[in-house]
Amino acid sequence: MESIPDICERTASNAVWTCPGDTVFYDASVIWGLIGPRRIFGDLGAYASVNWFFLGGAIAPVLVWLATRAFPRLEWIRLVNIPVLIGATGLMPPATAVNYTSWILAGFLSGFVVFRYRPEMWQRYNYVLSGSLDAGLAFMGVLLYLCLGLENVSLDWWGNDLDSCPLACCPTAQGIVAKGCSVSI
């Protein structure tokens, strides 16, 4: 982020990146201190329907419990843990569909298939699998930074082509003007 000049500046004439995460603490203090939760999540707010998810989160475990009572022969229903599922997905907010599907696939294969059908293999290699996935993530983070994130990199790809990324066509912040784009008010 620091290698691209004026990437998060609202006054830059060619900036299509606005970096809204930089002001998250200020925004949160304004929302919760000045505006108040009623104007956001209450009857005066645009997100009032979000409150229904609290009811859904309270009812979902009861539905799983009722399903275990109604279908006692289906043992896999007992393995469904709604608080863990909701909590785990809540820890992955910026993830895309690729992240969710690879997470589910790796977890299902290791935690269900291998654990059930090859428990000795799971006991022997699951810790190694976890460590290798963590080490691979860290290694690729360092490798990508060294190969693609440094200044004056000779590689020419869309990720280091400053603001010419075809995926970033128009600014989203208010008041920034870009050629061929409408101005947000």
Protein backbone atom coordinates (compact mmCIF):
# COMPACT_ATOMS: atom_id res chain seq x y z
CA MET A 1 0.00 0.00 0.00
CA GLU A 2 2.81 2.42 0.78
CA SER A 3 4.63 1.76 -2.49
CA ILE A 4 1.87 3.40 -4.56
CA PRO A 5 1.81 7.18 -4.14
CA ASP A 6 -1.51 8.78 -3.13
CA ILE A 7 -3.40 5.44 -3.23
CA CYS A 8 -5.62 6.32 -0.28
CA GLU A 9 -5.86 10.07 -0.84
CA ARG A 10 -9.28 11.45 -1.68
CA THR A 11 -7.76 14.49 -3.39
CA ALA A 12 -5.70 12.57 -5.94
CA SER A 13 -7.02 13.24 -9.41
CA ASN A 14 -6.56 9.71 -10.67
CA ALA A 15 -7.40 7.79 -7.49
CA VAL A 16 -10.02 5.13 -7.85
CA TRP A 17 -8.93 3.46 -4.62
CA THR A 18 -10.44 5.01 -1.52
CA CYS A 19 -9.22 2.70 1.29
CA PRO A 20 -12.27 2.87 3.57
CA GLY A 21 -10.62 0.62 6.16
CA ASP A 22 -8.21 3.38 7.19
CA THR A 23 -10.93 5.30 8.99
CA VAL A 24 -12.74 2.40 10.65
CA PHE A 25 -12.14 3.56 14.24
CA TYR A 26 -13.25 7.10 13.48
CA ASP A 27 -16.32 5.83 11.63
CA ALA A 28 -17.19 3.47 14.48
CA SER A 29 -16.93 6.24 17.04
CA VAL A 30 -19.20 8.45 14.96
CA ILE A 31 -21.72 5.67 14.39
CA TRP A 32 -21.92 4.55 18.01
CA GLY A 33 -21.31 7.92 19.65
CA LEU A 34 -23.13 10.47 17.51
CA ILE A 35 -25.63 8.68 15.34
CA GLY A 36 -26.52 5.86 17.66
CA PRO A 37 -27.58 2.29 17.06
CA ARG A 38 -31.26 3.18 16.69
CA ARG A 39 -30.56 5.13 13.49
CA ILE A 40 -28.61 2.20 12.07
CA PHE A 41 -30.14 -1.00 13.43
CA GLY A 42 -33.36 0.34 14.93
CA ASP A 43 -36.67 1.44 13.47
CA LEU A 44 -35.05 4.57 12.01
CA GLY A 45 -32.19 2.74 10.29
CA ALA A 46 -31.55 1.01 7.03
CA TYR A 47 -30.32 -2.19 8.73
CA ALA A 48 -33.29 -2.93 10.97
CA SER A 49 -33.84 -6.32 9.34
CA VAL A 50 -30.37 -7.46 10.49
CA ASN A 51 -31.87 -7.92 13.96
CA TRP A 52 -33.86 -10.91 12.68
CA PHE A 53 -30.59 -12.83 12.39
CA PHE A 54 -30.34 -12.88 16.19
CA LEU A 55 -33.64 -14.77 16.25
CA GLY A 56 -32.40 -17.09 13.52
CA GLY A 57 -29.22 -17.77 15.48
CA ALA A 58 -31.27 -18.66 18.54
CA ILE A 59 -33.67 -20.93 16.65
CA ALA A 60 -31.13 -22.80 14.48
CA PRO A 61 -29.65 -24.97 17.29
CA VAL A 62 -33.17 -25.88 18.42
CA LEU A 63 -33.96 -27.03 14.86
CA VAL A 64 -30.87 -29.22 14.82
CA TRP A 65 -31.85 -30.68 18.20
CA LEU A 66 -35.38 -31.38 16.92
CA ALA A 67 -33.91 -33.03 13.82
CA THR A 68 -31.83 -35.37 16.00
CA ARG A 69 -35.00 -36.34 17.86
CA ALA A 70 -37.03 -36.81 14.67
CA PHE A 71 -34.33 -38.78 12.83
CA PRO A 72 -32.37 -40.73 15.46
CA ARG A 73 -30.83 -43.10 12.89
CA LEU A 74 -29.12 -40.28 11.01
CA GLU A 75 -26.02 -39.89 13.15
CA TRP A 76 -24.51 -37.07 11.08
CA ILE A 77 -27.16 -34.62 12.32
CA ARG A 78 -25.60 -34.80 15.80
CA LEU A 79 -22.33 -33.56 14.26
CA VAL A 80 -23.90 -30.28 13.12
CA ASN A 81 -22.92 -27.55 15.56
CA ILE A 82 -24.63 -24.29 14.61
CA PRO A 83 -22.70 -21.98 16.99
CA VAL A 84 -19.40 -23.31 15.63
CA LEU A 85 -20.57 -22.90 12.02
CA ILE A 86 -21.81 -19.35 12.57
CA GLY A 87 -18.75 -18.40 14.62
CA ALA A 88 -16.30 -19.86 12.12
CA THR A 89 -17.83 -18.01 9.18
CA GLY A 90 -17.95 -14.86 11.27
CA LEU A 91 -14.18 -15.01 11.62
CA MET A 92 -13.75 -14.98 7.83
CA PRO A 93 -15.52 -11.77 6.77
CA PRO A 94 -13.33 -10.65 3.89
CA ALA A 95 -13.33 -14.09 2.33
CA THR A 96 -14.63 -14.87 -1.13
CA ALA A 97 -16.43 -17.97 -2.31
CA VAL A 98 -13.09 -19.58 -3.16
CA ASN A 99 -11.97 -19.21 0.47
CA TYR A 100 -15.16 -20.74 1.82
CA THR A 101 -15.19 -23.68 -0.59
CA SER A 102 -11.53 -24.56 -0.04
CA TRP A 103 -12.02 -24.23 3.72
CA ILE A 104 -15.07 -26.49 3.65
CA LEU A 105 -13.44 -29.01 1.31
CA ALA A 106 -10.21 -29.30 3.33
CA GLY A 107 -12.14 -29.46 6.60
CA PHE A 108 -14.56 -32.09 5.30
CA LEU A 109 -11.83 -34.29 3.83
CA SER A 110 -9.58 -34.10 6.90
CA GLY A 111 -12.15 -33.84 9.68
CA PHE A 112 -14.75 -36.26 8.35
CA VAL A 113 -13.54 -38.58 5.59
CA VAL A 114 -9.99 -39.26 6.82
CA PHE A 115 -11.03 -39.15 10.49
CA ARG A 116 -13.81 -41.67 9.91
CA TYR A 117 -12.27 -44.08 7.41
CA ARG A 118 -8.55 -43.82 8.23
CA PRO A 119 -8.36 -42.75 11.91
CA GLU A 120 -4.76 -43.95 12.30
CA MET A 121 -3.71 -41.80 9.34
CA TRP A 122 -5.64 -38.83 10.76
CA GLN A 123 -3.93 -39.23 14.16
CA ARG A 124 -0.52 -39.41 12.54
CA TYR A 125 -0.74 -36.68 9.90
CA ASN A 126 -3.42 -34.16 10.90
CA TYR A 127 -1.02 -32.06 12.98
CA VAL A 128 1.48 -32.12 10.11
CA LEU A 129 -1.27 -31.07 7.68
CA SER A 130 -2.28 -28.16 9.91
CA GLY A 131 1.31 -27.01 10.32
CA SER A 132 2.04 -27.32 6.60
CA LEU A 133 -1.03 -25.29 5.66
CA ASP A 134 -0.03 -22.54 8.11
CA ALA A 135 3.60 -22.59 6.95
CA GLY A 136 2.53 -22.57 3.31
CA LEU A 137 0.36 -19.51 3.91
CA ALA A 138 3.21 -17.67 5.62
CA PHE A 139 5.73 -18.69 2.96
CA MET A 140 3.47 -17.57 0.11
CA GLY A 141 2.79 -14.27 1.88
CA VAL A 142 6.52 -13.55 2.09
CA LEU A 143 7.15 -14.78 -1.47
CA LEU A 144 4.34 -12.67 -2.92
CA TYR A 145 5.58 -9.62 -1.05
CA LEU A 146 9.14 -10.11 -2.26
CA CYS A 147 8.13 -10.85 -5.86
CA LEU A 148 5.22 -8.50 -6.37
CA GLY A 149 5.04 -5.97 -3.56
CA LEU A 150 8.38 -4.20 -3.66
CA GLU A 151 8.89 -0.85 -5.32
CA ASN A 152 10.40 -0.69 -8.80
CA VAL A 153 9.50 -4.29 -9.55
CA SER A 154 10.32 -5.28 -13.11
CA LEU A 155 7.34 -7.65 -13.34
CA ASP A 156 4.46 -6.20 -15.31
CA TRP A 157 1.11 -7.45 -14.14
CA TRP A 158 -2.21 -5.85 -13.21
CA GLY A 159 -1.40 -5.85 -9.49
CA ASN A 160 1.49 -3.40 -9.74
CA ASP A 161 0.15 -1.26 -12.57
CA LEU A 162 -0.91 1.48 -10.13
CA ASP A 163 -4.43 2.67 -10.93
CA SER A 164 -4.73 1.07 -14.36
CA CYS A 165 -6.30 -2.07 -12.97
CA PRO A 166 -9.24 -3.02 -15.20
CA LEU A 167 -11.13 -4.23 -12.13
CA ALA A 168 -11.10 -0.73 -10.63
CA CYS A 169 -13.03 1.28 -13.17
CA CYS A 170 -14.73 3.98 -11.10
CA PRO A 171 -14.27 5.49 -7.63
CA THR A 172 -16.75 4.79 -4.89
CA ALA A 173 -15.96 7.64 -2.50
CA GLN A 174 -17.88 10.88 -2.67
CA GLY A 175 -16.42 13.79 -4.58
CA ILE A 176 -13.69 11.96 -6.52
CA VAL A 177 -13.87 12.59 -10.24
CA ALA A 178 -12.55 10.07 -12.75
CA LYS A 179 -12.81 10.26 -16.52
CA GLY A 180 -15.88 8.39 -17.78
CA CYS A 181 -17.34 7.82 -14.30
CA SER A 182 -20.22 9.45 -12.49
CA VAL A 183 -19.47 11.40 -9.32
CA SER A 184 -20.86 9.97 -6.07
CA ILE A 185 -22.76 12.51 -4.02
